[in-house]
Amino acid sequence: MPETTETAPAKVPRAATRPSRTTRRPSPRRPGPSPLRRLTPWFFLAAPLALLVTFTYVPVGNMIFYSFTDWDGVSPDRNLTGLDNYRQIFTRPELFRVFFVSFYYLAASAVQIVIALYFATVLSFDLRFRNLFKGILFFPYLVNGVAIGFVFLYFFQDGGTLDSVLSWFGAGSDHAWLGDPTSANTSLAGVSVWRFTGLNFVLFLGAIQSIPAELYEAAQLDGATRWQQFRHIIAPSIRPVVSLSVILAISGSLSVFEIPYIMTGGATGTSTFVIQTVKLAFQFNKTGLASAAAVVLLLIILLVTWIQRRLVPDEKVDLV
């Protein structure tokens, strides 16, 4: 028989058996978040959104609807009058004239921003008893507005505290500080400066103290004075906070209510737009007209804020 020869299997090179380094196995797909996990944030937001809609957006919507009616706030009848309420606001001088009172408080807001910025800058450096001064400046903002109104009502009355202090310096006067529109509005604006300077002071102080200390050290090594440090380090750093303070000052000057209502009740030409709106709604039972006035005030504040944001946009400040 012919001999059968068995052939050995050919050897395969190791390189051919190794998987290529360039080919990767597809990684298994991770399962996406479950539907319950996606809804979890909305569960936490449900309560705040419900409160926001219930106590903010629904009342604003009702106010806008009332502004187109002649509702008196009591009767169930609400007759649509179109734009008649808005026409009255812009055509009746006694309704729109109260906006000019806001200029007193706008000037007072500028004064309090300057004062707050000055003290925040001074007290941000090493100074003896600076914590005491911080508390003194911020204390008026913690006092209730009604209490402040009654305190300064006695302060400005005839023969009151202000007249007594002036008499010590030989400048005694029987001038009625709350008797004529000019002095009354100036006095009330001065009270607002005393009360709200502390709020701006805290905002500015917090912004100044967030500036890295290395910048001050480098400026001192270069021989920079305090004014140069303020101009080139502090002022650019706190620009967003100053912008916020300006927005708050403008909106606050347009919606002043508490202090003039307590001290004068809107008499002697001190009635603000908010005081007039409250009187229209609760004293003269013209809720529709008062709602239109409130809508106009809201639109003016939004317009002023938009203009201010366009003129002075927020810029990212990076000094380091």
C-alpha atoms as a PDB file:
ATOM      1  CA  MET A   1       0.000   0.000   0.000  1.00  0.00           C
ATOM      2  CA  PRO A   2       1.263   3.448  -0.689  1.00  0.00           C
ATOM      3  CA  GLU A   3       2.378   5.240   2.378  1.00  0.00           C
ATOM      4  CA  THR A   4       0.182   8.114   3.400  1.00  0.00           C
ATOM      5  CA  THR A   5       2.030  11.167   4.596  1.00  0.00           C
ATOM      6  CA  GLU A   6       0.315  13.508   6.991  1.00  0.00           C
ATOM      7  CA  THR A   7       1.032  17.172   6.441  1.00  0.00           C
ATOM      8  CA  ALA A   8       1.393  19.343   9.494  1.00  0.00           C
ATOM      9  CA  PRO A   9      -0.937  22.302   9.674  1.00  0.00           C
ATOM     10  CA  ALA A  10       0.638  25.518   8.542  1.00  0.00           C
ATOM     11  CA  LYS A  11       1.646  27.881  11.271  1.00  0.00           C
ATOM     12  CA  VAL A  12      -0.268  31.110  11.323  1.00  0.00           C
ATOM     13  CA  PRO A  13       1.788  34.155  12.229  1.00  0.00           C
ATOM     14  CA  ARG A  14       0.985  35.647  15.594  1.00  0.00           C
ATOM     15  CA  ALA A  15       0.546  39.056  14.093  1.00  0.00           C
ATOM     16  CA  ALA A  16      -2.313  37.750  12.007  1.00  0.00           C
ATOM     17  CA  THR A  17      -4.136  36.353  15.044  1.00  0.00           C
ATOM     18  CA  ARG A  18      -3.929  39.535  17.091  1.00  0.00           C
ATOM     19  CA  PRO A  19      -6.833  41.929  16.745  1.00  0.00           C
ATOM     20  CA  SER A  20      -5.982  45.144  15.035  1.00  0.00           C
ATOM     21  CA  ARG A  21      -5.271  48.022  17.355  1.00  0.00           C
ATOM     22  CA  THR A  22      -7.260  50.371  15.181  1.00  0.00           C
ATOM     23  CA  THR A  23     -10.481  48.424  15.498  1.00  0.00           C
ATOM     24  CA  ARG A  24     -12.323  49.004  18.753  1.00  0.00           C
ATOM     25  CA  ARG A  25     -15.178  47.124  20.116  1.00  0.00           C
ATOM     26  CA  PRO A  26     -18.334  49.201  20.301  1.00  0.00           C
ATOM     27  CA  SER A  27     -18.946  50.238  23.869  1.00  0.00           C
ATOM     28  CA  PRO A  28     -22.283  49.214  25.234  1.00  0.00           C
ATOM     29  CA  ARG A  29     -24.828  51.992  25.253  1.00  0.00           C
ATOM     30  CA  ARG A  30     -25.648  53.366  28.622  1.00  0.00           C
ATOM     31  CA  PRO A  31     -29.318  53.418  29.352  1.00  0.00           C
ATOM     32  CA  GLY A  32     -30.767  56.930  29.308  1.00  0.00           C
ATOM     33  CA  PRO A  33     -32.358  58.504  32.353  1.00  0.00           C
ATOM     34  CA  SER A  34     -35.651  57.031  33.272  1.00  0.00           C
ATOM     35  CA  PRO A  35     -38.815  59.112  32.776  1.00  0.00           C
ATOM     36  CA  LEU A  36     -39.209  59.422  36.527  1.00  0.00           C
ATOM     37  CA  ARG A  37     -35.691  60.839  36.829  1.00  0.00           C
ATOM     38  CA  ARG A  38     -36.438  63.387  34.104  1.00  0.00           C
ATOM     39  CA  LEU A  39     -39.534  64.539  35.958  1.00  0.00           C
ATOM     40  CA  THR A  40     -37.793  64.827  39.329  1.00  0.00           C
ATOM     41  CA  PRO A  41     -36.672  68.487  38.845  1.00  0.00           C
ATOM     42  CA  TRP A  42     -40.213  69.459  37.925  1.00  0.00           C
ATOM     43  CA  PHE A  43     -41.488  67.915  41.140  1.00  0.00           C
ATOM     44  CA  PHE A  44     -39.228  70.264  43.096  1.00  0.00           C
ATOM     45  CA  LEU A  45     -40.272  73.243  40.937  1.00  0.00           C
ATOM     46  CA  ALA A  46     -43.998  72.518  41.180  1.00  0.00           C
ATOM     47  CA  ALA A  47     -44.583  74.309  44.500  1.00  0.00           C
ATOM     48  CA  PRO A  48     -42.550  77.493  43.673  1.00  0.00           C
ATOM     49  CA  LEU A  49     -44.111  77.727  40.221  1.00  0.00           C
ATOM     50  CA  ALA A  50     -47.594  77.286  41.655  1.00  0.00           C
ATOM     51  CA  LEU A  51     -46.985  80.080  44.187  1.00  0.00           C
ATOM     52  CA  LEU A  52     -45.448  82.316  41.509  1.00  0.00           C
ATOM     53  CA  VAL A  53     -48.360  81.845  39.118  1.00  0.00           C
ATOM     54  CA  THR A  54     -50.998  82.154  41.836  1.00  0.00           C
ATOM     55  CA  PHE A  55     -49.690  85.253  43.576  1.00  0.00           C
ATOM     56  CA  THR A  56     -47.899  87.053  40.711  1.00  0.00           C
ATOM     57  CA  TYR A  57     -49.032  86.273  37.189  1.00  0.00           C
ATOM     58  CA  VAL A  58     -52.724  85.709  37.898  1.00  0.00           C
ATOM     59  CA  PRO A  59     -53.091  89.025  39.827  1.00  0.00           C
ATOM     60  CA  VAL A  60     -51.181  90.860  37.078  1.00  0.00           C
ATOM     61  CA  GLY A  61     -53.465  89.336  34.473  1.00  0.00           C
ATOM     62  CA  ASN A  62     -56.543  90.371  36.486  1.00  0.00           C
ATOM     63  CA  MET A  63     -55.129  93.876  36.903  1.00  0.00           C
ATOM     64  CA  ILE A  64     -54.651  94.220  33.145  1.00  0.00           C
ATOM     65  CA  PHE A  65     -58.222  93.035  32.592  1.00  0.00           C
ATOM     66  CA  TYR A  66     -59.605  95.467  35.196  1.00  0.00           C
ATOM     67  CA  SER A  67     -57.771  98.339  33.503  1.00  0.00           C
ATOM     68  CA  PHE A  68     -60.136  98.000  30.526  1.00  0.00           C
ATOM     69  CA  THR A  69     -63.264  98.147  32.706  1.00  0.00           C
ATOM     70  CA  ASP A  70     -65.097 100.642  34.909  1.00  0.00           C
ATOM     71  CA  TRP A  71     -65.203  98.287  37.897  1.00  0.00           C
ATOM     72  CA  ASP A  72     -65.604  99.976  41.276  1.00  0.00           C
ATOM     73  CA  GLY A  73     -64.074  97.106  43.222  1.00  0.00           C
ATOM     74  CA  VAL A  74     -67.338  96.077  44.899  1.00  0.00           C
ATOM     75  CA  SER A  75     -70.145  95.446  42.439  1.00  0.00           C
ATOM     76  CA  PRO A  76     -70.138  92.343  40.239  1.00  0.00           C
ATOM     77  CA  ASP A  77     -70.716  94.486  37.126  1.00  0.00           C
ATOM     78  CA  ARG A  78     -67.588  95.027  35.062  1.00  0.00           C
ATOM     79  CA  ASN A  79     -68.337  96.957  31.895  1.00  0.00           C
ATOM     80  CA  LEU A  80     -65.615  97.108  29.274  1.00  0.00           C
ATOM     81  CA  THR A  81     -64.553 100.670  28.468  1.00  0.00           C
ATOM     82  CA  GLY A  82     -61.651 100.004  26.115  1.00  0.00           C
ATOM     83  CA  LEU A  83     -58.778 102.457  26.416  1.00  0.00           C
ATOM     84  CA  ASP A  84     -60.787 105.124  28.227  1.00  0.00           C
ATOM     85  CA  ASN A  85     -58.914 104.670  31.518  1.00  0.00           C
ATOM     86  CA  TYR A  86     -55.545 105.057  29.815  1.00  0.00           C
ATOM     87  CA  ARG A  87     -56.790 108.124  27.960  1.00  0.00           C
ATOM     88  CA  GLN A  88     -57.769 109.726  31.270  1.00  0.00           C
ATOM     89  CA  ILE A  89     -54.352 109.079  32.791  1.00  0.00           C
ATOM     90  CA  PHE A  90     -52.508 110.824  29.964  1.00  0.00           C
ATOM     91  CA  THR A  91     -55.022 113.649  29.383  1.00  0.00           C
ATOM     92  CA  ARG A  92     -56.000 114.646  32.924  1.00  0.00           C
ATOM     93  CA  PRO A  93     -53.162 116.766  34.367  1.00  0.00           C
ATOM     94  CA  GLU A  94     -54.015 115.999  37.986  1.00  0.00           C
ATOM     95  CA  LEU A  95     -53.447 112.281  37.343  1.00  0.00           C
ATOM     96  CA  PHE A  96     -50.155 112.420  35.470  1.00  0.00           C
ATOM     97  CA  ARG A  97     -48.684 115.433  37.270  1.00  0.00           C
ATOM     98  CA  VAL A  98     -47.745 113.339  40.301  1.00  0.00           C
ATOM     99  CA  PHE A  99     -44.969 111.756  38.269  1.00  0.00           C
ATOM    100  CA  PHE A 100     -42.949 114.949  38.665  1.00  0.00           C
ATOM    101  CA  VAL A 101     -42.731 114.296  42.414  1.00  0.00           C
ATOM    102  CA  SER A 102     -40.558 111.298  41.562  1.00  0.00           C
ATOM    103  CA  PHE A 103     -37.747 113.633  40.460  1.00  0.00           C
ATOM    104  CA  TYR A 104     -37.155 114.583  44.115  1.00  0.00           C
ATOM    105  CA  TYR A 105     -36.660 110.930  45.028  1.00  0.00           C
ATOM    106  CA  LEU A 106     -34.588 110.286  41.900  1.00  0.00           C
ATOM    107  CA  ALA A 107     -32.184 113.043  42.936  1.00  0.00           C
ATOM    108  CA  ALA A 108     -32.158 111.619  46.461  1.00  0.00           C
ATOM    109  CA  SER A 109     -31.312 108.178  45.028  1.00  0.00           C
ATOM    110  CA  ALA A 110     -28.293 109.632  43.245  1.00  0.00           C
ATOM    111  CA  VAL A 111     -27.147 111.228  46.512  1.00  0.00           C
ATOM    112  CA  GLN A 112     -27.524 108.021  48.483  1.00  0.00           C
ATOM    113  CA  ILE A 113     -25.611 105.999  45.866  1.00  0.00           C
ATOM    114  CA  VAL A 114     -22.706 108.462  46.035  1.00  0.00           C
ATOM    115  CA  ILE A 115     -22.702 108.437  49.844  1.00  0.00           C
ATOM    116  CA  ALA A 116     -22.954 104.651  50.009  1.00  0.00           C
ATOM    117  CA  LEU A 117     -20.142 104.205  47.502  1.00  0.00           C
ATOM    118  CA  TYR A 118     -17.916 106.608  49.422  1.00  0.00           C
ATOM    119  CA  PHE A 119     -18.379 104.909  52.794  1.00  0.00           C
ATOM    120  CA  ALA A 120     -18.136 101.427  51.272  1.00  0.00           C
ATOM    121  CA  THR A 121     -14.782 102.349  49.739  1.00  0.00           C
ATOM    122  CA  VAL A 122     -13.438 103.949  52.906  1.00  0.00           C
ATOM    123  CA  LEU A 123     -14.574 101.140  55.208  1.00  0.00           C
ATOM    124  CA  SER A 124     -13.190  98.449  52.923  1.00  0.00           C
ATOM    125  CA  PHE A 125      -9.669  99.462  53.987  1.00  0.00           C
ATOM    126  CA  ASP A 126      -8.161  99.050  57.441  1.00  0.00           C
ATOM    127  CA  LEU A 127      -9.815 101.558  59.740  1.00  0.00           C
ATOM    128  CA  ARG A 128     -10.432 101.677  63.464  1.00  0.00           C
ATOM    129  CA  PHE A 129     -14.016 100.941  64.546  1.00  0.00           C
ATOM    130  CA  ARG A 130     -15.001 100.172  60.966  1.00  0.00           C
ATOM    131  CA  ASN A 131     -17.400  97.422  62.099  1.00  0.00           C
ATOM    132  CA  LEU A 132     -19.132  99.959  64.322  1.00  0.00           C
ATOM    133  CA  PHE A 133     -19.498 102.354  61.413  1.00  0.00           C
ATOM    134  CA  LYS A 134     -20.855  99.558  59.225  1.00  0.00           C
ATOM    135  CA  GLY A 135     -23.561  98.843  61.766  1.00  0.00           C
ATOM    136  CA  ILE A 136     -24.446 102.530  62.114  1.00  0.00           C
ATOM    137  CA  LEU A 137     -24.824 102.928  58.353  1.00  0.00           C
ATOM    138  CA  PHE A 138     -26.904  99.778  57.889  1.00  0.00           C
ATOM    139  CA  PHE A 139     -29.125 100.235  60.956  1.00  0.00           C
ATOM    140  CA  PRO A 140     -31.685 102.666  59.379  1.00  0.00           C
ATOM    141  CA  TYR A 141     -32.556 100.104  56.713  1.00  0.00           C
ATOM    142  CA  LEU A 142     -33.547  97.613  59.432  1.00  0.00           C
ATOM    143  CA  VAL A 143     -36.059  99.968  61.052  1.00  0.00           C
ATOM    144  CA  ASN A 144     -39.701  99.648  60.062  1.00  0.00           C
ATOM    145  CA  GLY A 145     -40.826 102.271  57.561  1.00  0.00           C
ATOM    146  CA  VAL A 146     -43.894 103.229  59.591  1.00  0.00           C
ATOM    147  CA  ALA A 147     -41.744 103.907  62.646  1.00  0.00           C
ATOM    148  CA  ILE A 148     -39.391 106.012  60.534  1.00  0.00           C
ATOM    149  CA  GLY A 149     -42.329 108.008  59.235  1.00  0.00           C
ATOM    150  CA  PHE A 150     -43.590 108.842  62.729  1.00  0.00           C
ATOM    151  CA  VAL A 151     -40.091 109.674  64.009  1.00  0.00           C
ATOM    152  CA  PHE A 152     -39.395 112.143  61.216  1.00  0.00           C
ATOM    153  CA  LEU A 153     -42.911 113.533  61.445  1.00  0.00           C
ATOM    154  CA  TYR A 154     -41.955 114.899  64.878  1.00  0.00           C
ATOM    155  CA  PHE A 155     -38.506 115.781  63.563  1.00  0.00           C
ATOM    156  CA  PHE A 156     -39.884 118.165  60.916  1.00  0.00           C
ATOM    157  CA  GLN A 157     -42.874 119.595  62.784  1.00  0.00           C
ATOM    158  CA  ASP A 158     -42.971 123.245  63.872  1.00  0.00           C
ATOM    159  CA  GLY A 159     -40.743 123.674  66.915  1.00  0.00           C
ATOM    160  CA  GLY A 160     -39.580 120.077  66.601  1.00  0.00           C
ATOM    161  CA  THR A 161     -36.152 118.518  66.683  1.00  0.00           C
ATOM    162  CA  LEU A 162     -34.859 120.169  63.521  1.00  0.00           C
ATOM    163  CA  ASP A 163     -35.903 123.664  64.632  1.00  0.00           C
ATOM    164  CA  SER A 164     -34.348 123.085  68.060  1.00  0.00           C
ATOM    165  CA  VAL A 165     -31.022 121.993  66.566  1.00  0.00           C
ATOM    166  CA  LEU A 166     -30.991 124.969  64.190  1.00  0.00           C
ATOM    167  CA  SER A 167     -31.703 127.353  67.069  1.00  0.00           C
ATOM    168  CA  TRP A 168     -28.495 126.173  68.808  1.00  0.00           C
ATOM    169  CA  PHE A 169     -26.547 127.632  65.886  1.00  0.00           C
ATOM    170  CA  GLY A 170     -28.568 130.814  65.761  1.00  0.00           C
ATOM    171  CA  ALA A 171     -30.485 129.755  62.671  1.00  0.00           C
ATOM    172  CA  GLY A 172     -33.842 129.200  64.295  1.00  0.00           C
ATOM    173  CA  SER A 173     -36.776 129.452  61.955  1.00  0.00           C
ATOM    174  CA  ASP A 174     -40.509 129.034  62.141  1.00  0.00           C
ATOM    175  CA  HIS A 175     -40.521 127.566  58.654  1.00  0.00           C
ATOM    176  CA  ALA A 176     -43.095 124.809  58.133  1.00  0.00           C
ATOM    177  CA  TRP A 177     -40.923 122.076  56.645  1.00  0.00           C
ATOM    178  CA  LEU A 178     -43.925 120.036  55.532  1.00  0.00           C
ATOM    179  CA  GLY A 179     -46.108 123.039  54.726  1.00  0.00           C
ATOM    180  CA  ASP A 180     -45.259 123.767  51.067  1.00  0.00           C
ATOM    181  CA  PRO A 181     -44.569 121.343  48.193  1.00  0.00           C
ATOM    182  CA  THR A 182     -40.892 122.177  47.646  1.00  0.00           C
ATOM    183  CA  SER A 183     -39.676 121.890  51.242  1.00  0.00           C
ATOM    184  CA  ALA A 184     -42.005 118.964  51.959  1.00  0.00           C
ATOM    185  CA  ASN A 185     -40.786 116.892  49.024  1.00  0.00           C
ATOM    186  CA  THR A 186     -37.180 117.805  49.780  1.00  0.00           C
ATOM    187  CA  SER A 187     -37.620 116.734  53.408  1.00  0.00           C
ATOM    188  CA  LEU A 188     -39.258 113.457  52.447  1.00  0.00           C
ATOM    189  CA  ALA A 189     -36.532 112.742  49.904  1.00  0.00           C
ATOM    190  CA  GLY A 190     -33.946 113.404  52.632  1.00  0.00           C
ATOM    191  CA  VAL A 191     -35.644 110.798  54.812  1.00  0.00           C
ATOM    192  CA  SER A 192     -35.369 108.272  51.982  1.00  0.00           C
ATOM    193  CA  VAL A 193     -31.642 109.028  51.716  1.00  0.00           C
ATOM    194  CA  TRP A 194     -31.217 108.345  55.447  1.00  0.00           C
ATOM    195  CA  ARG A 195     -33.118 105.096  55.240  1.00  0.00           C
ATOM    196  CA  PHE A 196     -31.912 103.447  52.018  1.00  0.00           C
ATOM    197  CA  THR A 197     -28.249 104.431  52.023  1.00  0.00           C
ATOM    198  CA  GLY A 198     -27.512 101.341  54.121  1.00  0.00           C
ATOM    199  CA  LEU A 199     -28.866  98.990  51.453  1.00  0.00           C
ATOM    200  CA  ASN A 200     -26.601 100.387  48.741  1.00  0.00           C
ATOM    201  CA  PHE A 201     -23.734 100.486  51.228  1.00  0.00           C
ATOM    202  CA  VAL A 202     -23.998  96.743  51.897  1.00  0.00           C
ATOM    203  CA  LEU A 203     -24.200  95.945  48.177  1.00  0.00           C
ATOM    204  CA  PHE A 204     -21.122  98.023  47.386  1.00  0.00           C
ATOM    205  CA  LEU A 205     -19.174  96.757  50.393  1.00  0.00           C
ATOM    206  CA  GLY A 206     -19.788  93.129  49.470  1.00  0.00           C
ATOM    207  CA  ALA A 207     -18.668  93.760  45.903  1.00  0.00           C
ATOM    208  CA  ILE A 208     -15.525  95.612  46.996  1.00  0.00           C
ATOM    209  CA  GLN A 209     -14.536  92.933  49.506  1.00  0.00           C
ATOM    210  CA  SER A 210     -14.776  90.267  46.784  1.00  0.00           C
ATOM    211  CA  ILE A 211     -11.876  91.892  44.906  1.00  0.00           C
ATOM    212  CA  PRO A 212      -8.653  89.849  45.347  1.00  0.00           C
ATOM    213  CA  ALA A 213      -6.251  91.386  47.845  1.00  0.00           C
ATOM    214  CA  GLU A 214      -3.316  90.742  45.489  1.00  0.00           C
ATOM    215  CA  LEU A 215      -4.518  93.576  43.266  1.00  0.00           C
ATOM    216  CA  TYR A 216      -4.276  96.082  46.132  1.00  0.00           C
ATOM    217  CA  GLU A 217      -0.835  94.798  47.067  1.00  0.00           C
ATOM    218  CA  ALA A 218       0.418  95.122  43.490  1.00  0.00           C
ATOM    219  CA  ALA A 219      -1.039  98.624  43.242  1.00  0.00           C
ATOM    220  CA  GLN A 220       0.658  99.681  46.474  1.00  0.00           C
ATOM    221  CA  LEU A 221       3.986  98.347  45.219  1.00  0.00           C
ATOM    222  CA  ASP A 222       3.552 100.459  42.092  1.00  0.00           C
ATOM    223  CA  GLY A 223       2.880 103.515  44.244  1.00  0.00           C
ATOM    224  CA  ALA A 224      -0.830 103.874  43.448  1.00  0.00           C
ATOM    225  CA  THR A 225      -2.803 106.239  45.656  1.00  0.00           C
ATOM    226  CA  ARG A 226      -6.194 105.465  47.171  1.00  0.00           C
ATOM    227  CA  TRP A 227      -7.928 107.399  44.392  1.00  0.00           C
ATOM    228  CA  GLN A 228      -6.006 105.490  41.714  1.00  0.00           C
ATOM    229  CA  GLN A 229      -6.914 102.198  43.379  1.00  0.00           C
ATOM    230  CA  PHE A 230     -10.557 103.219  43.360  1.00  0.00           C
ATOM    231  CA  ARG A 231     -10.459 104.381  39.756  1.00  0.00           C
ATOM    232  CA  HIS A 232      -8.591 101.446  38.225  1.00  0.00           C
ATOM    233  CA  ILE A 233      -9.493  98.544  40.539  1.00  0.00           C
ATOM    234  CA  ILE A 234     -12.652  99.169  42.549  1.00  0.00           C
ATOM    235  CA  ALA A 235     -14.774 101.061  40.015  1.00  0.00           C
ATOM    236  CA  PRO A 236     -14.398  98.528  37.155  1.00  0.00           C
ATOM    237  CA  SER A 237     -14.955  95.612  39.524  1.00  0.00           C
ATOM    238  CA  ILE A 238     -18.234  96.810  41.023  1.00  0.00           C
ATOM    239  CA  ARG A 239     -19.758  98.069  37.768  1.00  0.00           C
ATOM    240  CA  PRO A 240     -22.494  95.361  37.684  1.00  0.00           C
ATOM    241  CA  VAL A 241     -23.488  96.167  41.279  1.00  0.00           C
ATOM    242  CA  VAL A 242     -23.647  99.889  40.501  1.00  0.00           C
ATOM    243  CA  SER A 243     -25.872  99.088  37.526  1.00  0.00           C
ATOM    244  CA  LEU A 244     -28.155  97.071  39.801  1.00  0.00           C
ATOM    245  CA  SER A 245     -28.303  99.917  42.304  1.00  0.00           C
ATOM    246  CA  VAL A 246     -29.262 102.371  39.567  1.00  0.00           C
ATOM    247  CA  ILE A 247     -32.116 100.115  38.441  1.00  0.00           C
ATOM    248  CA  LEU A 248     -33.353  99.776  42.023  1.00  0.00           C
ATOM    249  CA  ALA A 249     -33.066 103.538  42.531  1.00  0.00           C
ATOM    250  CA  ILE A 250     -35.102 104.386  39.439  1.00  0.00           C
ATOM    251  CA  SER A 251     -37.827 101.842  40.126  1.00  0.00           C
ATOM    252  CA  GLY A 252     -37.931 102.864  43.794  1.00  0.00           C
ATOM    253  CA  SER A 253     -38.213 106.572  43.012  1.00  0.00           C
ATOM    254  CA  LEU A 254     -41.174 105.876  40.718  1.00  0.00           C
ATOM    255  CA  SER A 255     -42.982 103.707  43.268  1.00  0.00           C
ATOM    256  CA  VAL A 256     -42.462 105.619  46.536  1.00  0.00           C
ATOM    257  CA  PHE A 257     -45.327 105.073  48.949  1.00  0.00           C
ATOM    258  CA  GLU A 258     -44.537 104.344  52.578  1.00  0.00           C
ATOM    259  CA  ILE A 259     -42.793 107.450  53.919  1.00  0.00           C
ATOM    260  CA  PRO A 260     -44.904 110.178  52.211  1.00  0.00           C
ATOM    261  CA  TYR A 261     -48.130 108.305  52.993  1.00  0.00           C
ATOM    262  CA  ILE A 262     -47.293 108.107  56.711  1.00  0.00           C
ATOM    263  CA  MET A 263     -45.910 111.621  57.076  1.00  0.00           C
ATOM    264  CA  THR A 264     -48.208 113.714  54.872  1.00  0.00           C
ATOM    265  CA  GLY A 265     -50.795 111.380  53.398  1.00  0.00           C
ATOM    266  CA  GLY A 266     -50.079 112.906  49.995  1.00  0.00           C
ATOM    267  CA  ALA A 267     -51.039 116.447  51.073  1.00  0.00           C
ATOM    268  CA  THR A 268     -49.231 119.683  50.120  1.00  0.00           C
ATOM    269  CA  GLY A 269     -48.170 118.341  46.735  1.00  0.00           C
ATOM    270  CA  THR A 270     -46.379 115.252  48.078  1.00  0.00           C
ATOM    271  CA  SER A 271     -48.687 112.666  46.540  1.00  0.00           C
ATOM    272  CA  THR A 272     -46.792 110.076  44.531  1.00  0.00           C
ATOM    273  CA  PHE A 273     -48.137 107.927  41.729  1.00  0.00           C
ATOM    274  CA  VAL A 274     -48.627 104.958  44.046  1.00  0.00           C
ATOM    275  CA  ILE A 275     -50.431 107.040  46.688  1.00  0.00           C
ATOM    276  CA  GLN A 276     -52.742 108.392  44.004  1.00  0.00           C
ATOM    277  CA  THR A 277     -53.384 104.867  42.705  1.00  0.00           C
ATOM    278  CA  VAL A 278     -54.303 103.646  46.196  1.00  0.00           C
ATOM    279  CA  LYS A 279     -56.678 106.573  46.685  1.00  0.00           C
ATOM    280  CA  LEU A 280     -58.329 105.953  43.324  1.00  0.00           C
ATOM    281  CA  ALA A 281     -58.943 102.313  44.211  1.00  0.00           C
ATOM    282  CA  PHE A 282     -59.956 102.474  47.884  1.00  0.00           C
ATOM    283  CA  GLN A 283     -61.122 106.040  48.440  1.00  0.00           C
ATOM    284  CA  PHE A 284     -62.885 106.903  45.192  1.00  0.00           C
ATOM    285  CA  ASN A 285     -63.812 103.300  44.247  1.00  0.00           C
ATOM    286  CA  LYS A 286     -62.302 103.561  40.758  1.00  0.00           C
ATOM    287  CA  THR A 287     -60.562 100.217  40.600  1.00  0.00           C
ATOM    288  CA  GLY A 288     -60.501 100.179  36.807  1.00  0.00           C
ATOM    289  CA  LEU A 289     -58.741 103.543  36.610  1.00  0.00           C
ATOM    290  CA  ALA A 290     -56.360 102.556  39.415  1.00  0.00           C
ATOM    291  CA  SER A 291     -55.499  99.321  37.594  1.00  0.00           C
ATOM    292  CA  ALA A 292     -54.722 101.301  34.454  1.00  0.00           C
ATOM    293  CA  ALA A 293     -52.442 103.571  36.493  1.00  0.00           C
ATOM    294  CA  ALA A 294     -50.657 100.534  37.925  1.00  0.00           C
ATOM    295  CA  VAL A 295     -50.174  99.091  34.426  1.00  0.00           C
ATOM    296  CA  VAL A 296     -48.731 102.412  33.221  1.00  0.00           C
ATOM    297  CA  LEU A 297     -46.313 102.476  36.165  1.00  0.00           C
ATOM    298  CA  LEU A 298     -45.234  98.902  35.449  1.00  0.00           C
ATOM    299  CA  LEU A 299     -44.611  99.682  31.778  1.00  0.00           C
ATOM    300  CA  ILE A 300     -42.625 102.814  32.623  1.00  0.00           C
ATOM    301  CA  ILE A 301     -40.386 100.891  35.035  1.00  0.00           C
ATOM    302  CA  LEU A 302     -39.817  98.142  32.461  1.00  0.00           C
ATOM    303  CA  LEU A 303     -39.045 100.720  29.779  1.00  0.00           C
ATOM    304  CA  VAL A 304     -36.582 102.617  31.970  1.00  0.00           C
ATOM    305  CA  THR A 305     -34.899  99.360  32.977  1.00  0.00           C
ATOM    306  CA  TRP A 306     -34.614  98.256  29.346  1.00  0.00           C
ATOM    307  CA  ILE A 307     -33.116 101.609  28.308  1.00  0.00           C
ATOM    308  CA  GLN A 308     -30.643 101.491  31.178  1.00  0.00           C
ATOM    309  CA  ARG A 309     -29.588  97.946  30.284  1.00  0.00           C
ATOM    310  CA  ARG A 310     -29.094  98.958  26.658  1.00  0.00           C
ATOM    311  CA  LEU A 311     -27.038 102.015  27.526  1.00  0.00           C
ATOM    312  CA  VAL A 312     -24.963 100.266  30.197  1.00  0.00           C
ATOM    313  CA  PRO A 313     -24.822  96.558  29.324  1.00  0.00           C
ATOM    314  CA  ASP A 314     -23.353  94.081  31.750  1.00  0.00           C
ATOM    315  CA  GLU A 315     -19.781  93.202  30.908  1.00  0.00           C
ATOM    316  CA  LYS A 316     -17.750  90.401  32.398  1.00  0.00           C
ATOM    317  CA  VAL A 317     -15.157  91.891  34.700  1.00  0.00           C
ATOM    318  CA  ASP A 318     -11.920  89.935  34.977  1.00  0.00           C
ATOM    319  CA  LEU A 319      -9.114  91.831  36.662  1.00  0.00           C
ATOM    320  CA  VAL A 320      -6.965  88.859  37.582  1.00  0.00           C
END
